[in-house]
Amino acid sequence: MSALARLADHPSSTSRLQQEAVDDVVTTAVLVATAFRLRDEEALVLALRRLVEAVRRLETEDD
């Protein structure tokens, strides 16, 4: 299942590790949005990199 599908429709029986991975993606996405709104390029690049890593962790939790 893709990371986006997991965020949109994850079952209530997700494991603690899976839930933490989803939480990391959501939290990091908020950081991306904040950096974008503040027009802080350096923070945006850093937040986007963190988001990529969080999505990778979420996808590996699915396997």
C-alpha atoms as a PDB file:
ATOM      1  CA  MET A   1       0.000   0.000   0.000  1.00  0.00           C
ATOM      2  CA  SER A   2       1.361   3.436  -0.835  1.00  0.00           C
ATOM      3  CA  ALA A   3       2.147   5.937   1.886  1.00  0.00           C
ATOM      4  CA  LEU A   4      -0.614   8.241   0.676  1.00  0.00           C
ATOM      5  CA  ALA A   5      -3.184   5.461   0.796  1.00  0.00           C
ATOM      6  CA  ARG A   6      -2.055   4.561   4.311  1.00  0.00           C
ATOM      7  CA  LEU A   7      -2.541   8.169   5.445  1.00  0.00           C
ATOM      8  CA  ALA A   8      -5.963   8.424   3.819  1.00  0.00           C
ATOM      9  CA  ASP A   9      -7.415   5.124   4.988  1.00  0.00           C
ATOM     10  CA  HIS A  10      -5.374   3.341   7.598  1.00  0.00           C
ATOM     11  CA  PRO A  11      -7.222   0.720   9.651  1.00  0.00           C
ATOM     12  CA  SER A  12      -7.785   1.257  13.341  1.00  0.00           C
ATOM     13  CA  SER A  13      -5.779  -1.889  14.047  1.00  0.00           C
ATOM     14  CA  THR A  14      -2.471  -0.348  12.978  1.00  0.00           C
ATOM     15  CA  SER A  15       0.503  -1.208  15.114  1.00  0.00           C
ATOM     16  CA  ARG A  16       2.158   1.333  17.357  1.00  0.00           C
ATOM     17  CA  LEU A  17       5.140   1.564  14.982  1.00  0.00           C
ATOM     18  CA  GLN A  18       2.869   2.116  11.998  1.00  0.00           C
ATOM     19  CA  GLN A  19       0.977   4.828  13.867  1.00  0.00           C
ATOM     20  CA  GLU A  20       4.238   6.529  14.838  1.00  0.00           C
ATOM     21  CA  ALA A  21       5.324   6.466  11.187  1.00  0.00           C
ATOM     22  CA  VAL A  22       2.030   8.070  10.124  1.00  0.00           C
ATOM     23  CA  ASP A  23       2.375  10.677  12.870  1.00  0.00           C
ATOM     24  CA  ASP A  24       5.908  11.489  11.681  1.00  0.00           C
ATOM     25  CA  VAL A  25       4.667  12.091   8.134  1.00  0.00           C
ATOM     26  CA  VAL A  26       1.835  14.342   9.284  1.00  0.00           C
ATOM     27  CA  THR A  27       4.060  16.320  11.658  1.00  0.00           C
ATOM     28  CA  THR A  28       6.728  16.798   9.023  1.00  0.00           C
ATOM     29  CA  ALA A  29       4.123  17.871   6.458  1.00  0.00           C
ATOM     30  CA  VAL A  30       3.037  20.604   8.878  1.00  0.00           C
ATOM     31  CA  LEU A  31       6.666  21.740   9.105  1.00  0.00           C
ATOM     32  CA  VAL A  32       6.840  21.892   5.305  1.00  0.00           C
ATOM     33  CA  ALA A  33       3.687  24.000   5.157  1.00  0.00           C
ATOM     34  CA  THR A  34       4.967  26.323   7.875  1.00  0.00           C
ATOM     35  CA  ALA A  35       8.337  26.832   6.191  1.00  0.00           C
ATOM     36  CA  PHE A  36       6.557  27.512   2.903  1.00  0.00           C
ATOM     37  CA  ARG A  37       4.259  30.092   4.493  1.00  0.00           C
ATOM     38  CA  LEU A  38       7.220  31.786   6.183  1.00  0.00           C
ATOM     39  CA  ARG A  39       9.100  31.784   2.869  1.00  0.00           C
ATOM     40  CA  ASP A  40      12.114  30.258   4.602  1.00  0.00           C
ATOM     41  CA  GLU A  41      13.947  28.431   1.817  1.00  0.00           C
ATOM     42  CA  GLU A  42      16.522  26.760   4.041  1.00  0.00           C
ATOM     43  CA  ALA A  43      13.883  25.458   6.446  1.00  0.00           C
ATOM     44  CA  LEU A  44      11.711  24.343   3.535  1.00  0.00           C
ATOM     45  CA  VAL A  45      14.519  22.292   1.996  1.00  0.00           C
ATOM     46  CA  LEU A  46      15.303  20.723   5.369  1.00  0.00           C
ATOM     47  CA  ALA A  47      11.637  19.962   6.050  1.00  0.00           C
ATOM     48  CA  LEU A  48      11.153  18.438   2.595  1.00  0.00           C
ATOM     49  CA  ARG A  49      14.144  16.160   3.161  1.00  0.00           C
ATOM     50  CA  ARG A  50      12.697  15.107   6.504  1.00  0.00           C
ATOM     51  CA  LEU A  51       9.351  14.465   4.825  1.00  0.00           C
ATOM     52  CA  VAL A  52      10.984  12.199   2.240  1.00  0.00           C
ATOM     53  CA  GLU A  53      12.635  10.194   5.025  1.00  0.00           C
ATOM     54  CA  ALA A  54       9.388  10.003   7.009  1.00  0.00           C
ATOM     55  CA  VAL A  55       7.511   8.689   3.962  1.00  0.00           C
ATOM     56  CA  ARG A  56      10.250   6.113   3.349  1.00  0.00           C
ATOM     57  CA  ARG A  57       9.941   4.917   6.949  1.00  0.00           C
ATOM     58  CA  LEU A  58       6.170   4.721   6.568  1.00  0.00           C
ATOM     59  CA  GLU A  59       6.501   2.676   3.395  1.00  0.00           C
ATOM     60  CA  THR A  60       8.958   0.257   5.022  1.00  0.00           C
ATOM     61  CA  GLU A  61       6.570  -0.218   7.958  1.00  0.00           C
ATOM     62  CA  ASP A  62       4.026  -1.483   5.432  1.00  0.00           C
ATOM     63  CA  ASP A  63       6.360  -4.226   4.138  1.00  0.00           C
END
